[in-house]
Amino acid sequence: MYYLWVFLIGGLICAFGELLIIKTNITSARILVTFVLIGVALEAFGIFDPISNFARAGINVPIIGFGASLAKGAIGAVKSRGLIGAFTGGLEATAGGIAAAVLFAFIFGLIFKAKTKK
């Protein structure tokens, strides 16, 4: 049953993104930023953790979880270091994921040849 809930919630998030792509003129990049901001807002209002306890990877794996991690890191750093933590805390909290994304993008850039859309 656990896997079913994870699949359903993650699928609903992805379906919402697809609906935005199909039904609106919003670009994929703006949808991505919107999802990150949704994660930030959920974390800022303290709603993300209860949802995450129920949905687990269904909400943590999509980009919404990245936004929540950014916000959680920034909030924690502000509490411990003051205003400078607002700028550094989010990056410190997500540095591992960002580094992995850059590394894998580099590796796949070496393996595959980029093609432009026609």
C-alpha atoms as a PDB file:
ATOM      1  CA  MET A   1       0.000   0.000   0.000  1.00  0.00           C
ATOM      2  CA  TYR A   2       2.951   2.306   0.753  1.00  0.00           C
ATOM      3  CA  TYR A   3       4.232   2.076  -2.825  1.00  0.00           C
ATOM      4  CA  LEU A   4       0.782   2.766  -4.216  1.00  0.00           C
ATOM      5  CA  TRP A   5       0.502   6.064  -2.308  1.00  0.00           C
ATOM      6  CA  VAL A   6       4.005   7.114  -3.350  1.00  0.00           C
ATOM      7  CA  PHE A   7       3.194   6.314  -6.972  1.00  0.00           C
ATOM      8  CA  LEU A   8      -0.177   8.073  -6.902  1.00  0.00           C
ATOM      9  CA  ILE A   9       1.060  11.272  -5.279  1.00  0.00           C
ATOM     10  CA  GLY A  10       4.179  11.489  -7.432  1.00  0.00           C
ATOM     11  CA  GLY A  11       2.057  10.717 -10.479  1.00  0.00           C
ATOM     12  CA  LEU A  12      -0.431  13.452  -9.600  1.00  0.00           C
ATOM     13  CA  ILE A  13       2.390  15.985  -9.311  1.00  0.00           C
ATOM     14  CA  CYS A  14       3.775  14.935 -12.689  1.00  0.00           C
ATOM     15  CA  ALA A  15       0.297  14.905 -14.248  1.00  0.00           C
ATOM     16  CA  PHE A  16      -0.247  18.458 -12.974  1.00  0.00           C
ATOM     17  CA  GLY A  17       3.002  19.507 -14.667  1.00  0.00           C
ATOM     18  CA  GLU A  18       1.928  17.816 -17.904  1.00  0.00           C
ATOM     19  CA  LEU A  19      -1.451  19.556 -17.787  1.00  0.00           C
ATOM     20  CA  LEU A  20       0.309  22.884 -17.415  1.00  0.00           C
ATOM     21  CA  ILE A  21       2.494  22.114 -20.433  1.00  0.00           C
ATOM     22  CA  ILE A  22      -0.416  20.949 -22.592  1.00  0.00           C
ATOM     23  CA  LYS A  23      -3.123  23.439 -21.621  1.00  0.00           C
ATOM     24  CA  THR A  24      -1.122  26.654 -21.110  1.00  0.00           C
ATOM     25  CA  ASN A  25       1.594  28.585 -22.871  1.00  0.00           C
ATOM     26  CA  ILE A  26       3.839  28.371 -19.820  1.00  0.00           C
ATOM     27  CA  THR A  27       7.337  27.194 -20.698  1.00  0.00           C
ATOM     28  CA  SER A  28       8.858  24.143 -19.046  1.00  0.00           C
ATOM     29  CA  ALA A  29      11.402  26.330 -17.259  1.00  0.00           C
ATOM     30  CA  ARG A  30       8.663  28.434 -15.664  1.00  0.00           C
ATOM     31  CA  ILE A  31       6.798  25.313 -14.585  1.00  0.00           C
ATOM     32  CA  LEU A  32      10.033  24.043 -13.008  1.00  0.00           C
ATOM     33  CA  VAL A  33      10.471  27.295 -11.087  1.00  0.00           C
ATOM     34  CA  THR A  34       6.811  27.179 -10.037  1.00  0.00           C
ATOM     35  CA  PHE A  35       7.266  23.693  -8.599  1.00  0.00           C
ATOM     36  CA  VAL A  36      10.403  24.773  -6.710  1.00  0.00           C
ATOM     37  CA  LEU A  37       8.480  27.732  -5.274  1.00  0.00           C
ATOM     38  CA  ILE A  38       5.617  25.437  -4.264  1.00  0.00           C
ATOM     39  CA  GLY A  39       8.147  23.373  -2.295  1.00  0.00           C
ATOM     40  CA  VAL A  40       9.588  26.510  -0.694  1.00  0.00           C
ATOM     41  CA  ALA A  41       6.115  27.735   0.279  1.00  0.00           C
ATOM     42  CA  LEU A  42       5.103  24.356   1.715  1.00  0.00           C
ATOM     43  CA  GLU A  43       8.262  24.284   3.834  1.00  0.00           C
ATOM     44  CA  ALA A  44       7.927  27.923   4.903  1.00  0.00           C
ATOM     45  CA  PHE A  45       4.392  27.339   6.176  1.00  0.00           C
ATOM     46  CA  GLY A  46       5.345  24.057   7.860  1.00  0.00           C
ATOM     47  CA  ILE A  47       3.127  21.962   5.608  1.00  0.00           C
ATOM     48  CA  PHE A  48       5.807  20.034   3.729  1.00  0.00           C
ATOM     49  CA  ASP A  49       6.914  17.710   6.560  1.00  0.00           C
ATOM     50  CA  PRO A  50       3.431  16.277   7.300  1.00  0.00           C
ATOM     51  CA  ILE A  51       2.876  15.718   3.570  1.00  0.00           C
ATOM     52  CA  SER A  52       6.355  14.194   3.268  1.00  0.00           C
ATOM     53  CA  ASN A  53       5.711  11.808   6.161  1.00  0.00           C
ATOM     54  CA  PHE A  54       2.704  10.475   4.273  1.00  0.00           C
ATOM     55  CA  ALA A  55       3.810  10.718   0.627  1.00  0.00           C
ATOM     56  CA  ARG A  56       7.543  10.008   1.138  1.00  0.00           C
ATOM     57  CA  ALA A  57       9.314   9.783  -2.240  1.00  0.00           C
ATOM     58  CA  GLY A  58       6.120  10.798  -4.029  1.00  0.00           C
ATOM     59  CA  ILE A  59       6.753  14.397  -3.013  1.00  0.00           C
ATOM     60  CA  ASN A  60      10.457  14.294  -2.090  1.00  0.00           C
ATOM     61  CA  VAL A  61      11.771  13.089  -5.444  1.00  0.00           C
ATOM     62  CA  PRO A  62      10.040  15.629  -7.731  1.00  0.00           C
ATOM     63  CA  ILE A  63      11.457  19.136  -7.855  1.00  0.00           C
ATOM     64  CA  ILE A  64       9.054  20.183  -5.099  1.00  0.00           C
ATOM     65  CA  GLY A  65      11.269  18.290  -2.634  1.00  0.00           C
ATOM     66  CA  PHE A  66      14.301  20.241  -3.865  1.00  0.00           C
ATOM     67  CA  GLY A  67      12.514  23.519  -3.180  1.00  0.00           C
ATOM     68  CA  ALA A  68      11.606  22.355   0.304  1.00  0.00           C
ATOM     69  CA  SER A  69      15.233  21.349   0.954  1.00  0.00           C
ATOM     70  CA  LEU A  70      16.411  24.795  -0.153  1.00  0.00           C
ATOM     71  CA  ALA A  71      13.964  26.473   2.197  1.00  0.00           C
ATOM     72  CA  LYS A  72      14.744  24.141   5.103  1.00  0.00           C
ATOM     73  CA  GLY A  73      18.468  24.806   4.732  1.00  0.00           C
ATOM     74  CA  ALA A  74      17.966  28.571   4.512  1.00  0.00           C
ATOM     75  CA  ILE A  75      15.630  28.659   7.527  1.00  0.00           C
ATOM     76  CA  GLY A  76      18.042  26.591   9.619  1.00  0.00           C
ATOM     77  CA  ALA A  77      21.022  28.721   8.614  1.00  0.00           C
ATOM     78  CA  VAL A  78      19.184  31.963   9.411  1.00  0.00           C
ATOM     79  CA  LYS A  79      18.451  30.634  12.892  1.00  0.00           C
ATOM     80  CA  SER A  80      22.103  29.749  13.499  1.00  0.00           C
ATOM     81  CA  ARG A  81      24.030  32.432  11.554  1.00  0.00           C
ATOM     82  CA  GLY A  82      21.617  35.286  10.972  1.00  0.00           C
ATOM     83  CA  LEU A  83      20.811  36.998   7.684  1.00  0.00           C
ATOM     84  CA  ILE A  84      23.834  35.615   5.824  1.00  0.00           C
ATOM     85  CA  GLY A  85      22.347  32.158   6.333  1.00  0.00           C
ATOM     86  CA  ALA A  86      19.457  33.087   4.038  1.00  0.00           C
ATOM     87  CA  PHE A  87      21.948  33.201   1.182  1.00  0.00           C
ATOM     88  CA  THR A  88      24.167  30.268   2.107  1.00  0.00           C
ATOM     89  CA  GLY A  89      21.936  27.776   3.925  1.00  0.00           C
ATOM     90  CA  GLY A  90      19.904  26.585   0.940  1.00  0.00           C
ATOM     91  CA  LEU A  91      22.982  25.872  -1.131  1.00  0.00           C
ATOM     92  CA  GLU A  92      24.693  24.062   1.729  1.00  0.00           C
ATOM     93  CA  ALA A  93      21.615  21.871   2.234  1.00  0.00           C
ATOM     94  CA  THR A  94      21.373  20.916  -1.434  1.00  0.00           C
ATOM     95  CA  ALA A  95      25.054  20.899  -2.414  1.00  0.00           C
ATOM     96  CA  GLY A  96      25.202  17.107  -2.765  1.00  0.00           C
ATOM     97  CA  GLY A  97      22.270  17.014  -5.180  1.00  0.00           C
ATOM     98  CA  ILE A  98      23.572  19.945  -7.191  1.00  0.00           C
ATOM     99  CA  ALA A  99      27.050  18.404  -7.430  1.00  0.00           C
ATOM    100  CA  ALA A 100      25.591  15.066  -8.563  1.00  0.00           C
ATOM    101  CA  ALA A 101      23.465  16.805 -11.212  1.00  0.00           C
ATOM    102  CA  VAL A 102      26.474  18.678 -12.582  1.00  0.00           C
ATOM    103  CA  LEU A 103      28.635  15.537 -12.575  1.00  0.00           C
ATOM    104  CA  PHE A 104      26.055  13.389 -14.365  1.00  0.00           C
ATOM    105  CA  ALA A 105      25.289  16.169 -16.863  1.00  0.00           C
ATOM    106  CA  PHE A 106      29.001  16.337 -17.660  1.00  0.00           C
ATOM    107  CA  ILE A 107      29.275  12.561 -18.061  1.00  0.00           C
ATOM    108  CA  PHE A 108      26.217  12.358 -20.316  1.00  0.00           C
ATOM    109  CA  GLY A 109      27.484  15.376 -22.259  1.00  0.00           C
ATOM    110  CA  LEU A 110      30.626  13.394 -23.030  1.00  0.00           C
ATOM    111  CA  ILE A 111      28.730  10.243 -24.009  1.00  0.00           C
ATOM    112  CA  PHE A 112      25.922  11.681 -26.131  1.00  0.00           C
ATOM    113  CA  LYS A 113      25.908  14.237 -28.910  1.00  0.00           C
ATOM    114  CA  ALA A 114      23.514  17.157 -28.449  1.00  0.00           C
ATOM    115  CA  LYS A 115      20.967  17.780 -31.184  1.00  0.00           C
ATOM    116  CA  THR A 116      18.895  20.883 -31.737  1.00  0.00           C
ATOM    117  CA  LYS A 117      15.166  20.706 -32.321  1.00  0.00           C
ATOM    118  CA  LYS A 118      13.941  21.547 -35.821  1.00  0.00           C
END
